[in-house]
PDB file of N, CA and C in Angstrom:
ATOM      1  N   MET A   1     381.473  42.286  61.132  1.00  0.00           N
ATOM      2  CA  MET A   1     381.329  42.539  59.715  1.00  0.00           C
ATOM      3  C   MET A   1     379.925  42.164  59.229  1.00  0.00           C
ATOM      4  N   ILE A   2     379.516  40.928  59.507  1.00  0.00           N
ATOM      5  CA  ILE A   2     378.179  40.490  59.086  1.00  0.00           C
ATOM      6  C   ILE A   2     377.111  41.296  59.821  1.00  0.00           C
ATOM      7  N   GLU A   3     377.360  41.577  61.086  1.00  0.00           N
ATOM      8  CA  GLU A   3     376.394  42.333  61.889  1.00  0.00           C
ATOM      9  C   GLU A   3     376.198  43.741  61.320  1.00  0.00           C
ATOM     10  N   ALA A   4     377.264  44.389  60.918  1.00  0.00           N
ATOM     11  CA  ALA A   4     377.183  45.730  60.337  1.00  0.00           C
ATOM     12  C   ALA A   4     376.444  45.688  59.002  1.00  0.00           C
ATOM     13  N   PHE A   5     376.722  44.675  58.203  1.00  0.00           N
ATOM     14  CA  PHE A   5     376.072  44.508  56.903  1.00  0.00           C
ATOM     15  C   PHE A   5     374.560  44.325  57.069  1.00  0.00           C
ATOM     16  N   VAL A   6     374.165  43.408  57.953  1.00  0.00           N
ATOM     17  CA  VAL A   6     372.742  43.124  58.186  1.00  0.00           C
ATOM     18  C   VAL A   6     372.045  44.342  58.778  1.00  0.00           C
ATOM     19  N   THR A   7     372.679  44.985  59.736  1.00  0.00           N
ATOM     20  CA  THR A   7     372.086  46.154  60.386  1.00  0.00           C
ATOM     21  C   THR A   7     371.866  47.280  59.382  1.00  0.00           C
ATOM     22  N   LYS A   8     372.864  47.532  58.535  1.00  0.00           N
ATOM     23  CA  LYS A   8     372.748  48.607  57.549  1.00  0.00           C
ATOM     24  C   LYS A   8     371.585  48.348  56.601  1.00  0.00           C
ATOM     25  N   TYR A   9     371.525  47.157  56.024  1.00  0.00           N
ATOM     26  CA  TYR A   9     370.473  46.861  55.062  1.00  0.00           C
ATOM     27  C   TYR A   9     369.108  46.707  55.720  1.00  0.00           C
ATOM     28  N   LEU A  10     369.071  46.231  56.936  1.00  0.00           N
ATOM     29  CA  LEU A  10     367.808  46.121  57.653  1.00  0.00           C
ATOM     30  C   LEU A  10     367.247  47.507  57.954  1.00  0.00           C
ATOM     31  N   LEU A  11     368.116  48.421  58.364  1.00  0.00           N
ATOM     32  CA  LEU A  11     367.673  49.795  58.616  1.00  0.00           C
ATOM     33  C   LEU A  11     367.238  50.483  57.322  1.00  0.00           C
ATOM     34  N   ASP A  12     367.986  50.261  56.237  1.00  0.00           N
ATOM     35  CA  ASP A  12     367.591  50.822  54.944  1.00  0.00           C
ATOM     36  C   ASP A  12     366.229  50.293  54.521  1.00  0.00           C
ATOM     37  N   PHE A  13     366.025  48.994  54.665  1.00  0.00           N
ATOM     38  CA  PHE A  13     364.743  48.389  54.311  1.00  0.00           C
ATOM     39  C   PHE A  13     363.615  48.976  55.156  1.00  0.00           C
ATOM     40  N   ALA A  14     363.842  49.100  56.457  1.00  0.00           N
ATOM     41  CA  ALA A  14     362.814  49.639  57.355  1.00  0.00           C
ATOM     42  C   ALA A  14     362.480  51.079  56.989  1.00  0.00           C
ATOM     43  N   LEU A  15     363.491  51.877  56.665  1.00  0.00           N
ATOM     44  CA  LEU A  15     363.268  53.266  56.290  1.00  0.00           C
ATOM     45  C   LEU A  15     362.475  53.366  54.986  1.00  0.00           C
ATOM     46  N   VAL A  16     362.865  52.595  53.987  1.00  0.00           N
ATOM     47  CA  VAL A  16     362.151  52.599  52.707  1.00  0.00           C
ATOM     48  C   VAL A  16     360.710  52.133  52.901  1.00  0.00           C
ATOM     49  N   PHE A  17     360.506  51.118  53.704  1.00  0.00           N
ATOM     50  CA  PHE A  17     359.165  50.602  53.971  1.00  0.00           C
ATOM     51  C   PHE A  17     358.289  51.669  54.630  1.00  0.00           C
ATOM     52  N   LEU A  18     358.819  52.361  55.630  1.00  0.00           N
ATOM     53  CA  LEU A  18     358.043  53.391  56.326  1.00  0.00           C
ATOM     54  C   LEU A  18     357.722  54.575  55.415  1.00  0.00           C
ATOM     55  N   VAL A  19     358.690  55.000  54.617  1.00  0.00           N
ATOM     56  CA  VAL A  19     358.442  56.101  53.680  1.00  0.00           C
ATOM     57  C   VAL A  19     357.392  55.688  52.649  1.00  0.00           C
ATOM     58  N   GLY A  20     357.483  54.470  52.139  1.00  0.00           N
ATOM     59  CA  GLY A  20     356.495  53.972  51.190  1.00  0.00           C
ATOM     60  C   GLY A  20     355.106  53.902  51.789  1.00  0.00           C
ATOM     61  N   LEU A  21     355.008  53.430  52.999  1.00  0.00           N
ATOM     62  CA  LEU A  21     353.725  53.334  53.688  1.00  0.00           C
ATOM     63  C   LEU A  21     353.128  54.718  53.907  1.00  0.00           C
ATOM     64  N   PHE A  22     353.939  55.663  54.343  1.00  0.00           N
ATOM     65  CA  PHE A  22     353.480  57.032  54.568  1.00  0.00           C
ATOM     66  C   PHE A  22     353.022  57.681  53.262  1.00  0.00           C
ATOM     67  N   SER A  23     353.794  57.494  52.186  1.00  0.00           N
ATOM     68  CA  SER A  23     353.419  58.107  50.910  1.00  0.00           C
ATOM     69  C   SER A  23     352.140  57.492  50.353  1.00  0.00           C
ATOM     70  N   LYS A  24     351.950  56.186  50.514  1.00  0.00           N
ATOM     71  CA  LYS A  24     350.698  55.542  50.074  1.00  0.00           C
ATOM     72  C   LYS A  24     349.512  56.139  50.818  1.00  0.00           C
ATOM     73  N   PHE A  25     349.675  56.313  52.125  1.00  0.00           N
ATOM     74  CA  PHE A  25     348.605  56.882  52.940  1.00  0.00           C
ATOM     75  C   PHE A  25     348.280  58.295  52.478  1.00  0.00           C
ATOM     76  N   MET A  26     349.295  59.118  52.252  1.00  0.00           N
ATOM     77  CA  MET A  26     349.072  60.504  51.846  1.00  0.00           C
ATOM     78  C   MET A  26     348.435  60.588  50.464  1.00  0.00           C
ATOM     79  N   ILE A  27     348.884  59.753  49.547  1.00  0.00           N
ATOM     80  CA  ILE A  27     348.309  59.763  48.203  1.00  0.00           C
ATOM     81  C   ILE A  27     346.845  59.365  48.253  1.00  0.00           C
ATOM     82  N   SER A  28     346.524  58.322  48.991  1.00  0.00           N
ATOM     83  CA  SER A  28     345.127  57.889  49.063  1.00  0.00           C
ATOM     84  C   SER A  28     344.274  58.926  49.776  1.00  0.00           C
ATOM     85  N   LYS A  29     344.796  59.548  50.807  1.00  0.00           N
ATOM     86  CA  LYS A  29     344.044  60.560  51.556  1.00  0.00           C
ATOM     87  C   LYS A  29     343.813  61.798  50.703  1.00  0.00           C
ATOM     88  N   LEU A  30     344.870  62.318  50.093  1.00  0.00           N
ATOM     89  CA  LEU A  30     344.733  63.517  49.270  1.00  0.00           C
ATOM     90  C   LEU A  30     343.930  63.232  48.012  1.00  0.00           C
ATOM     91  N   GLY A  31     344.096  62.063  47.422  1.00  0.00           N
ATOM     92  CA  GLY A  31     343.338  61.699  46.231  1.00  0.00           C
ATOM     93  C   GLY A  31     341.856  61.590  46.520  1.00  0.00           C
ATOM     94  N   GLN A  32     341.497  61.020  47.653  1.00  0.00           N
ATOM     95  CA  GLN A  32     340.091  60.890  48.027  1.00  0.00           C
ATOM     96  C   GLN A  32     339.491  62.259  48.321  1.00  0.00           C
ATOM     97  N   ASP A  33     340.266  63.126  48.959  1.00  0.00           N
ATOM     98  CA  ASP A  33     339.797  64.474  49.257  1.00  0.00           C
ATOM     99  C   ASP A  33     339.507  65.222  47.960  1.00  0.00           C
ATOM    100  N   ARG A  34     340.381  65.075  46.983  1.00  0.00           N
ATOM    101  CA  ARG A  34     340.201  65.724  45.679  1.00  0.00           C
ATOM    102  C   ARG A  34     338.966  65.178  44.980  1.00  0.00           C
ATOM    103  N   ALA A  35     338.791  63.870  45.006  1.00  0.00           N
ATOM    104  CA  ALA A  35     337.625  63.249  44.373  1.00  0.00           C
ATOM    105  C   ALA A  35     336.333  63.708  45.046  1.00  0.00           C
ATOM    106  N   ASP A  36     336.345  63.809  46.358  1.00  0.00           N
ATOM    107  CA  ASP A  36     335.156  64.279  47.077  1.00  0.00           C
ATOM    108  C   ASP A  36     334.823  65.720  46.710  1.00  0.00           C
ATOM    109  N   LYS A  37     335.849  66.560  46.568  1.00  0.00           N
ATOM    110  CA  LYS A  37     335.619  67.951  46.165  1.00  0.00           C
ATOM    111  C   LYS A  37     334.984  68.011  44.780  1.00  0.00           C
ATOM    112  N   ILE A  38     335.475  67.184  43.865  1.00  0.00           N
ATOM    113  CA  ILE A  38     334.939  67.176  42.503  1.00  0.00           C
ATOM    114  C   ILE A  38     333.489  66.706  42.507  1.00  0.00           C
ATOM    115  N   LYS A  39     333.184  65.644  43.247  1.00  0.00           N
ATOM    116  CA  LYS A  39     331.808  65.137  43.303  1.00  0.00           C
ATOM    117  C   LYS A  39     330.855  66.166  43.897  1.00  0.00           C
ATOM    118  N   GLU A  40     331.264  66.833  44.959  1.00  0.00           N
ATOM    119  CA  GLU A  40     330.425  67.869  45.564  1.00  0.00           C
ATOM    120  C   GLU A  40     330.228  69.036  44.602  1.00  0.00           C
ATOM    121  N   ALA A  41     331.275  69.405  43.887  1.00  0.00           N
ATOM    122  CA  ALA A  41     331.184  70.508  42.937  1.00  0.00           C
ATOM    123  C   ALA A  41     330.248  70.158  41.784  1.00  0.00           C
ATOM    124  N   ILE A  42     330.271  68.910  41.333  1.00  0.00           N
ATOM    125  CA  ILE A  42     329.368  68.477  40.260  1.00  0.00           C
ATOM    126  C   ILE A  42     327.925  68.641  40.701  1.00  0.00           C
ATOM    127  N   LEU A  43     327.607  68.138  41.874  1.00  0.00           N
ATOM    128  CA  LEU A  43     326.235  68.231  42.368  1.00  0.00           C
ATOM    129  C   LEU A  43     325.821  69.689  42.542  1.00  0.00           C
ATOM    130  N   SER A  44     326.696  70.506  43.097  1.00  0.00           N
ATOM    131  CA  SER A  44     326.386  71.927  43.294  1.00  0.00           C
ATOM    132  C   SER A  44     326.153  72.637  41.966  1.00  0.00           C
ATOM    133  N   ALA A  45     327.017  72.393  40.997  1.00  0.00           N
ATOM    134  CA  ALA A  45     326.885  73.047  39.694  1.00  0.00           C
ATOM    135  C   ALA A  45     325.604  72.630  38.990  1.00  0.00           C
ATOM    136  N   MET A  46     325.267  71.360  39.080  1.00  0.00           N
ATOM    137  CA  MET A  46     324.052  70.891  38.410  1.00  0.00           C
ATOM    138  C   MET A  46     322.797  71.417  39.100  1.00  0.00           C
ATOM    139  N   LEU A  47     322.808  71.463  40.415  1.00  0.00           N
ATOM    140  CA  LEU A  47     321.667  72.038  41.134  1.00  0.00           C
ATOM    141  C   LEU A  47     321.534  73.528  40.828  1.00  0.00           C
ATOM    142  N   TRP A  48     322.663  74.217  40.734  1.00  0.00           N
ATOM    143  CA  TRP A  48     322.642  75.633  40.412  1.00  0.00           C
ATOM    144  C   TRP A  48     322.037  75.859  39.024  1.00  0.00           C
ATOM    145  N   ALA A  49     322.476  75.075  38.042  1.00  0.00           N
ATOM    146  CA  ALA A  49     321.952  75.212  36.678  1.00  0.00           C
ATOM    147  C   ALA A  49     320.464  74.875  36.636  1.00  0.00           C
ATOM    148  N   GLU A  50     320.058  73.886  37.393  1.00  0.00           N
ATOM    149  CA  GLU A  50     318.644  73.498  37.443  1.00  0.00           C
ATOM    150  C   GLU A  50     317.803  74.639  38.011  1.00  0.00           C
ATOM    151  N   GLU A  51     318.307  75.288  39.034  1.00  0.00           N
ATOM    152  CA  GLU A  51     317.590  76.420  39.629  1.00  0.00           C
ATOM    153  C   GLU A  51     317.530  77.602  38.663  1.00  0.00           C
ATOM    154  N   GLU A  52     318.610  77.826  37.934  1.00  0.00           N
ATOM    155  CA  GLU A  52     318.664  78.958  37.008  1.00  0.00           C
ATOM    156  C   GLU A  52     317.715  78.784  35.827  1.00  0.00           C
ATOM    157  N   LEU A  53     317.672  77.578  35.252  1.00  0.00           N
ATOM    158  CA  LEU A  53     316.927  77.375  34.010  1.00  0.00           C
ATOM    159  C   LEU A  53     315.622  76.600  34.181  1.00  0.00           C
ATOM    160  N   GLY A  54     315.477  75.862  35.256  1.00  0.00           N
ATOM    161  CA  GLY A  54     314.244  75.104  35.470  1.00  0.00           C
ATOM    162  C   GLY A  54     314.155  73.890  34.559  1.00  0.00           C
ATOM    163  N   ILE A  55     312.934  73.420  34.334  1.00  0.00           N
ATOM    164  CA  ILE A  55     312.689  72.219  33.530  1.00  0.00           C
ATOM    165  C   ILE A  55     313.027  72.503  32.068  1.00  0.00           C
ATOM    166  N   GLY A  56     313.599  71.512  31.413  1.00  0.00           N
ATOM    167  CA  GLY A  56     313.945  71.642  29.999  1.00  0.00           C
ATOM    168  C   GLY A  56     315.312  72.289  29.814  1.00  0.00           C
ATOM    169  N   ASN A  57     315.502  72.921  28.652  1.00  0.00           N
ATOM    170  CA  ASN A  57     316.752  73.624  28.332  1.00  0.00           C
ATOM    171  C   ASN A  57     317.969  72.719  28.459  1.00  0.00           C
ATOM    172  N   GLY A  58     317.861  71.488  28.018  1.00  0.00           N
ATOM    173  CA  GLY A  58     318.887  70.471  28.222  1.00  0.00           C
ATOM    174  C   GLY A  58     320.302  70.876  27.872  1.00  0.00           C
ATOM    175  N   GLU A  59     320.556  71.189  26.608  1.00  0.00           N
ATOM    176  CA  GLU A  59     321.926  71.481  26.161  1.00  0.00           C
ATOM    177  C   GLU A  59     322.464  72.749  26.819  1.00  0.00           C
ATOM    178  N   GLU A  60     321.630  73.759  26.906  1.00  0.00           N
ATOM    179  CA  GLU A  60     322.048  75.015  27.542  1.00  0.00           C
ATOM    180  C   GLU A  60     322.349  74.795  29.029  1.00  0.00           C
ATOM    181  N   LYS A  61     321.538  73.960  29.660  1.00  0.00           N
ATOM    182  CA  LYS A  61     321.740  73.664  31.081  1.00  0.00           C
ATOM    183  C   LYS A  61     323.072  72.953  31.303  1.00  0.00           C
ATOM    184  N   TRP A  62     323.441  72.017  30.387  1.00  0.00           N
ATOM    185  CA  TRP A  62     324.726  71.308  30.511  1.00  0.00           C
ATOM    186  C   TRP A  62     325.884  72.285  30.401  1.00  0.00           C
ATOM    187  N   LYS A  63     325.779  73.226  29.450  1.00  0.00           N
ATOM    188  CA  LYS A  63     326.858  74.205  29.259  1.00  0.00           C
ATOM    189  C   LYS A  63     327.019  75.094  30.488  1.00  0.00           C
ATOM    190  N   ILE A  64     325.898  75.568  31.019  1.00  0.00           N
ATOM    191  CA  ILE A  64     325.951  76.426  32.203  1.00  0.00           C
ATOM    192  C   ILE A  64     326.486  75.651  33.399  1.00  0.00           C
ATOM    193  N   ALA A  65     326.055  74.409  33.550  1.00  0.00           N
ATOM    194  CA  ALA A  65     326.533  73.580  34.665  1.00  0.00           C
ATOM    195  C   ALA A  65     328.038  73.344  34.547  1.00  0.00           C
ATOM    196  N   TRP A  66     328.532  73.134  33.324  1.00  0.00           N
ATOM    197  CA  TRP A  66     329.966  72.895  33.133  1.00  0.00           C
ATOM    198  C   TRP A  66     330.778  74.135  33.512  1.00  0.00           C
ATOM    199  N   VAL A  67     330.310  75.304  33.058  1.00  0.00           N
ATOM    200  CA  VAL A  67     331.006  76.554  33.385  1.00  0.00           C
ATOM    201  C   VAL A  67     331.006  76.771  34.898  1.00  0.00           C
ATOM    202  N   LYS A  68     329.864  76.529  35.528  1.00  0.00           N
ATOM    203  CA  LYS A  68     329.767  76.698  36.982  1.00  0.00           C
ATOM    204  C   LYS A  68     330.669  75.696  37.705  1.00  0.00           C
ATOM    205  N   LEU A  69     330.736  74.468  37.203  1.00  0.00           N
ATOM    206  CA  LEU A  69     331.598  73.448  37.802  1.00  0.00           C
ATOM    207  C   LEU A  69     333.061  73.892  37.780  1.00  0.00           C
ATOM    208  N   ILE A  70     333.525  74.372  36.640  1.00  0.00           N
ATOM    209  CA  ILE A  70     334.910  74.837  36.519  1.00  0.00           C
ATOM    210  C   ILE A  70     335.151  76.012  37.469  1.00  0.00           C
ATOM    211  N   GLU A  71     334.173  76.903  37.575  1.00  0.00           N
ATOM    212  CA  GLU A  71     334.281  78.050  38.478  1.00  0.00           C
ATOM    213  C   GLU A  71     334.395  77.601  39.944  1.00  0.00           C
ATOM    214  N   ILE A  72     333.566  76.655  40.347  1.00  0.00           N
ATOM    215  CA  ILE A  72     333.600  76.137  41.723  1.00  0.00           C
ATOM    216  C   ILE A  72     334.936  75.459  42.000  1.00  0.00           C
ATOM    217  N   LEU A  73     335.399  74.640  41.053  1.00  0.00           N
ATOM    218  CA  LEU A  73     336.668  73.935  41.252  1.00  0.00           C
ATOM    219  C   LEU A  73     337.848  74.903  41.335  1.00  0.00           C
ATOM    220  N   LYS A  74     337.810  75.989  40.552  1.00  0.00           N
ATOM    221  CA  LYS A  74     338.885  76.987  40.627  1.00  0.00           C
ATOM    222  C   LYS A  74     338.930  77.622  42.007  1.00  0.00           C
ATOM    223  N   LYS A  75     337.753  77.887  42.579  1.00  0.00           N
ATOM    224  CA  LYS A  75     337.705  78.474  43.920  1.00  0.00           C
ATOM    225  C   LYS A  75     338.293  77.525  44.960  1.00  0.00           C
ATOM    226  N   GLN A  76     338.224  76.227  44.693  1.00  0.00           N
ATOM    227  CA  GLN A  76     338.767  75.228  45.612  1.00  0.00           C
ATOM    228  C   GLN A  76     340.191  74.814  45.235  1.00  0.00           C
ATOM    229  N   ASN A  77     340.785  75.513  44.264  1.00  0.00           N
ATOM    230  CA  ASN A  77     342.147  75.224  43.786  1.00  0.00           C
ATOM    231  C   ASN A  77     342.285  73.803  43.251  1.00  0.00           C
ATOM    232  N   VAL A  78     341.269  73.354  42.522  1.00  0.00           N
ATOM    233  CA  VAL A  78     341.307  72.034  41.886  1.00  0.00           C
ATOM    234  C   VAL A  78     341.252  72.256  40.383  1.00  0.00           C
ATOM    235  N   ASN A  79     342.279  71.820  39.681  1.00  0.00           N
ATOM    236  CA  ASN A  79     342.310  71.908  38.224  1.00  0.00           C
ATOM    237  C   ASN A  79     342.143  70.515  37.654  1.00  0.00           C
ATOM    238  N   LEU A  80     341.210  70.372  36.722  1.00  0.00           N
ATOM    239  CA  LEU A  80     340.998  69.071  36.094  1.00  0.00           C
ATOM    240  C   LEU A  80     342.121  68.789  35.108  1.00  0.00           C
ATOM    241  N   LYS A  81     342.622  67.579  35.149  1.00  0.00           N
ATOM    242  CA  LYS A  81     343.641  67.149  34.201  1.00  0.00           C
ATOM    243  C   LYS A  81     342.945  66.736  32.907  1.00  0.00           C
ATOM    244  N   GLU A  82     343.705  66.673  31.841  1.00  0.00           N
ATOM    245  CA  GLU A  82     343.147  66.353  30.525  1.00  0.00           C
ATOM    246  C   GLU A  82     342.360  65.047  30.536  1.00  0.00           C
ATOM    247  N   GLY A  83     342.887  64.026  31.166  1.00  0.00           N
ATOM    248  CA  GLY A  83     342.220  62.729  31.192  1.00  0.00           C
ATOM    249  C   GLY A  83     340.993  62.686  32.084  1.00  0.00           C
ATOM    250  N   GLU A  84     340.844  63.658  32.973  1.00  0.00           N
ATOM    251  CA  GLU A  84     339.718  63.661  33.909  1.00  0.00           C
ATOM    252  C   GLU A  84     338.468  64.315  33.340  1.00  0.00           C
ATOM    253  N   ILE A  85     338.609  65.123  32.321  1.00  0.00           N
ATOM    254  CA  ILE A  85     337.480  65.895  31.803  1.00  0.00           C
ATOM    255  C   ILE A  85     336.361  64.983  31.321  1.00  0.00           C
ATOM    256  N   SER A  86     336.676  63.979  30.541  1.00  0.00           N
ATOM    257  CA  SER A  86     335.661  63.043  30.050  1.00  0.00           C
ATOM    258  C   SER A  86     334.997  62.307  31.203  1.00  0.00           C
ATOM    259  N   TYR A  87     335.801  61.891  32.171  1.00  0.00           N
ATOM    260  CA  TYR A  87     335.273  61.181  33.338  1.00  0.00           C
ATOM    261  C   TYR A  87     334.317  62.071  34.132  1.00  0.00           C
ATOM    262  N   VAL A  88     334.680  63.336  34.314  1.00  0.00           N
ATOM    263  CA  VAL A  88     333.834  64.260  35.070  1.00  0.00           C
ATOM    264  C   VAL A  88     332.531  64.519  34.321  1.00  0.00           C
ATOM    265  N   LYS A  89     332.593  64.620  33.004  1.00  0.00           N
ATOM    266  CA  LYS A  89     331.356  64.792  32.227  1.00  0.00           C
ATOM    267  C   LYS A  89     330.446  63.577  32.382  1.00  0.00           C
ATOM    268  N   ASP A  90     331.036  62.385  32.401  1.00  0.00           N
ATOM    269  CA  ASP A  90     330.240  61.176  32.637  1.00  0.00           C
ATOM    270  C   ASP A  90     329.625  61.187  34.029  1.00  0.00           C
ATOM    271  N   LEU A  91     330.383  61.650  35.013  1.00  0.00           N
ATOM    272  CA  LEU A  91     329.846  61.756  36.375  1.00  0.00           C
ATOM    273  C   LEU A  91     328.682  62.737  36.428  1.00  0.00           C
ATOM    274  N   MET A  92     328.779  63.811  35.667  1.00  0.00           N
ATOM    275  CA  MET A  92     327.677  64.776  35.631  1.00  0.00           C
ATOM    276  C   MET A  92     326.411  64.104  35.117  1.00  0.00           C
ATOM    277  N   LYS A  93     326.539  63.327  34.055  1.00  0.00           N
ATOM    278  CA  LYS A  93     325.365  62.645  33.499  1.00  0.00           C
ATOM    279  C   LYS A  93     324.820  61.602  34.467  1.00  0.00           C
ATOM    280  N   ALA A  94     325.704  60.965  35.209  1.00  0.00           N
ATOM    281  CA  ALA A  94     325.269  59.959  36.176  1.00  0.00           C
ATOM    282  C   ALA A  94     324.587  60.599  37.381  1.00  0.00           C
ATOM    283  N   THR A  95     324.789  61.885  37.577  1.00  0.00           N
ATOM    284  CA  THR A  95     324.213  62.590  38.718  1.00  0.00           C
ATOM    285  C   THR A  95     322.809  63.107  38.428  1.00  0.00           C
ATOM    286  N   VAL A  96     322.362  63.039  37.183  1.00  0.00           N
ATOM    287  CA  VAL A  96     321.047  63.564  36.805  1.00  0.00           C
ATOM    288  C   VAL A  96     319.914  62.993  37.666  1.00  0.00           C
ATOM    289  N   PRO A  97     319.823  61.668  37.885  1.00  0.00           N
ATOM    290  CA  PRO A  97     318.730  61.168  38.733  1.00  0.00           C
ATOM    291  C   PRO A  97     318.777  61.730  40.154  1.00  0.00           C
ATOM    292  N   GLU A  98     319.970  61.931  40.668  1.00  0.00           N
ATOM    293  CA  GLU A  98     320.115  62.493  42.016  1.00  0.00           C
ATOM    294  C   GLU A  98     319.613  63.937  42.051  1.00  0.00           C
ATOM    295  N   VAL A  99     319.935  64.709  41.023  1.00  0.00           N
ATOM    296  CA  VAL A  99     319.472  66.096  40.941  1.00  0.00           C
ATOM    297  C   VAL A  99     317.957  66.127  40.815  1.00  0.00           C
ATOM    298  N   ASN A 100     317.408  65.261  39.971  1.00  0.00           N
ATOM    299  CA  ASN A 100     315.953  65.206  39.820  1.00  0.00           C
ATOM    300  C   ASN A 100     315.273  64.837  41.131  1.00  0.00           C
ATOM    301  N   GLU A 101     315.880  63.935  41.881  1.00  0.00           N
ATOM    302  CA  GLU A 101     315.330  63.548  43.185  1.00  0.00           C
ATOM    303  C   GLU A 101     315.322  64.743  44.131  1.00  0.00           C
ATOM    304  N   ILE A 102     316.403  65.493  44.152  1.00  0.00           N
ATOM    305  CA  ILE A 102     316.499  66.635  45.065  1.00  0.00           C
ATOM    306  C   ILE A 102     315.524  67.738  44.659  1.00  0.00           C
ATOM    307  N   ILE A 103     315.482  68.058  43.375  1.00  0.00           N
ATOM    308  CA  ILE A 103     314.659  69.169  42.903  1.00  0.00           C
ATOM    309  C   ILE A 103     313.189  68.774  42.785  1.00  0.00           C
ATOM    310  N   TYR A 104     312.925  67.651  42.157  1.00  0.00           N
ATOM    311  CA  TYR A 104     311.550  67.306  41.796  1.00  0.00           C
ATOM    312  C   TYR A 104     310.984  66.114  42.553  1.00  0.00           C
ATOM    313  N   LYS A 105     311.782  65.487  43.383  1.00  0.00           N
ATOM    314  CA  LYS A 105     311.360  64.244  44.062  1.00  0.00           C
ATOM    315  C   LYS A 105     310.853  63.245  43.023  1.00  0.00           C
ATOM    316  N   ALA A 106     311.612  63.138  41.919  1.00  0.00           N
ATOM    317  CA  ALA A 106     311.132  62.369  40.773  1.00  0.00           C
ATOM    318  C   ALA A 106     311.946  61.127  40.468  1.00  0.00           C
ATOM    319  N   MET A 107     312.794  60.691  41.376  1.00  0.00           N
ATOM    320  CA  MET A 107     313.591  59.507  41.095  1.00  0.00           C
ATOM    321  C   MET A 107     312.694  58.275  41.180  1.00  0.00           C
ATOM    322  N   PRO A 108     312.678  57.453  40.122  1.00  0.00           N
ATOM    323  CA  PRO A 108     311.861  56.237  40.169  1.00  0.00           C
ATOM    324  C   PRO A 108     312.303  55.324  41.313  1.00  0.00           C
ATOM    325  N   ASP A 109     311.345  54.582  41.871  1.00  0.00           N
ATOM    326  CA  ASP A 109     311.645  53.690  42.997  1.00  0.00           C
ATOM    327  C   ASP A 109     312.729  52.680  42.656  1.00  0.00           C
ATOM    328  N   VAL A 110     312.729  52.179  41.427  1.00  0.00           N
ATOM    329  CA  VAL A 110     313.724  51.182  41.017  1.00  0.00           C
ATOM    330  C   VAL A 110     315.128  51.769  41.122  1.00  0.00           C
ATOM    331  N   VAL A 111     315.300  52.988  40.648  1.00  0.00           N
ATOM    332  CA  VAL A 111     316.606  53.640  40.695  1.00  0.00           C
ATOM    333  C   VAL A 111     316.982  53.950  42.140  1.00  0.00           C
ATOM    334  N   ARG A 112     316.025  54.486  42.912  1.00  0.00           N
ATOM    335  CA  ARG A 112     316.296  54.835  44.310  1.00  0.00           C
ATOM    336  C   ARG A 112     316.719  53.602  45.098  1.00  0.00           C
ATOM    337  N   ASN A 113     316.003  52.489  44.911  1.00  0.00           N
ATOM    338  CA  ASN A 113     316.338  51.256  45.626  1.00  0.00           C
ATOM    339  C   ASN A 113     317.700  50.722  45.196  1.00  0.00           C
ATOM    340  N   GLY A 114     318.002  50.786  43.913  1.00  0.00           N
ATOM    341  CA  GLY A 114     319.297  50.322  43.418  1.00  0.00           C
ATOM    342  C   GLY A 114     320.438  51.131  43.987  1.00  0.00           C
ATOM    343  N   ARG A 115     320.267  52.448  44.064  1.00  0.00           N
ATOM    344  CA  ARG A 115     321.316  53.305  44.621  1.00  0.00           C
ATOM    345  C   ARG A 115     321.473  53.067  46.111  1.00  0.00           C
ATOM    346  N   THR A 116     320.376  52.866  46.804  1.00  0.00           N
ATOM    347  CA  THR A 116     320.442  52.626  48.244  1.00  0.00           C
ATOM    348  C   THR A 116     321.178  51.333  48.531  1.00  0.00           C
ATOM    349  N   LEU A 117     320.883  50.294  47.778  1.00  0.00           N
ATOM    350  CA  LEU A 117     321.539  49.009  47.989  1.00  0.00           C
ATOM    351  C   LEU A 117     323.023  49.083  47.667  1.00  0.00           C
ATOM    352  N   ARG A 118     323.363  49.811  46.620  1.00  0.00           N
ATOM    353  CA  ARG A 118     324.747  49.876  46.177  1.00  0.00           C
ATOM    354  C   ARG A 118     325.623  50.625  47.174  1.00  0.00           C
ATOM    355  N   TYR A 119     325.093  51.653  47.813  1.00  0.00           N
ATOM    356  CA  TYR A 119     325.916  52.493  48.676  1.00  0.00           C
ATOM    357  C   TYR A 119     325.923  52.061  50.128  1.00  0.00           C
ATOM    358  N   LYS A 120     325.206  51.008  50.478  1.00  0.00           N
ATOM    359  CA  LYS A 120     325.195  50.559  51.878  1.00  0.00           C
ATOM    360  C   LYS A 120     326.444  49.822  52.213  1.00  0.00           C
TER     361      LYS A 120
END
C-alpha cells in the first residue's frame, strides 16, 4: 500500500519535473531565437534606410526604417506584440552608434570601448 502510494507520486513528480524542464528549455530557446531575429532585423532595416537616404533626413529615415523593419519581420513570420513595439523602437535608437560605425566609421572611441567591454 505505502509502496504503491510512494511510487505513484514519485513517478508523477518525476514526470512533471521533466515536462517543466523541457518546456523551460524550449521557451528560452525559442524566445532567444525570436529576440535574435528582431535584433538582426533592426540592424538591417536601419542600414537599409541609411543607404536609401544618406546623411540627415532624421525623422523620414526613422519612418522608412520602421516600415522596413515590419516588412522584414513579416517575411520571418515574427509579429510584434503590443508591449514590444516601444521596446523595439528603443532598441532602434540604441543601435544608431552601431549603424554609424558600420556606415561612417564614426563611433567615438569611448562608446566603442564601452560596448566592447560590456559584450565580452
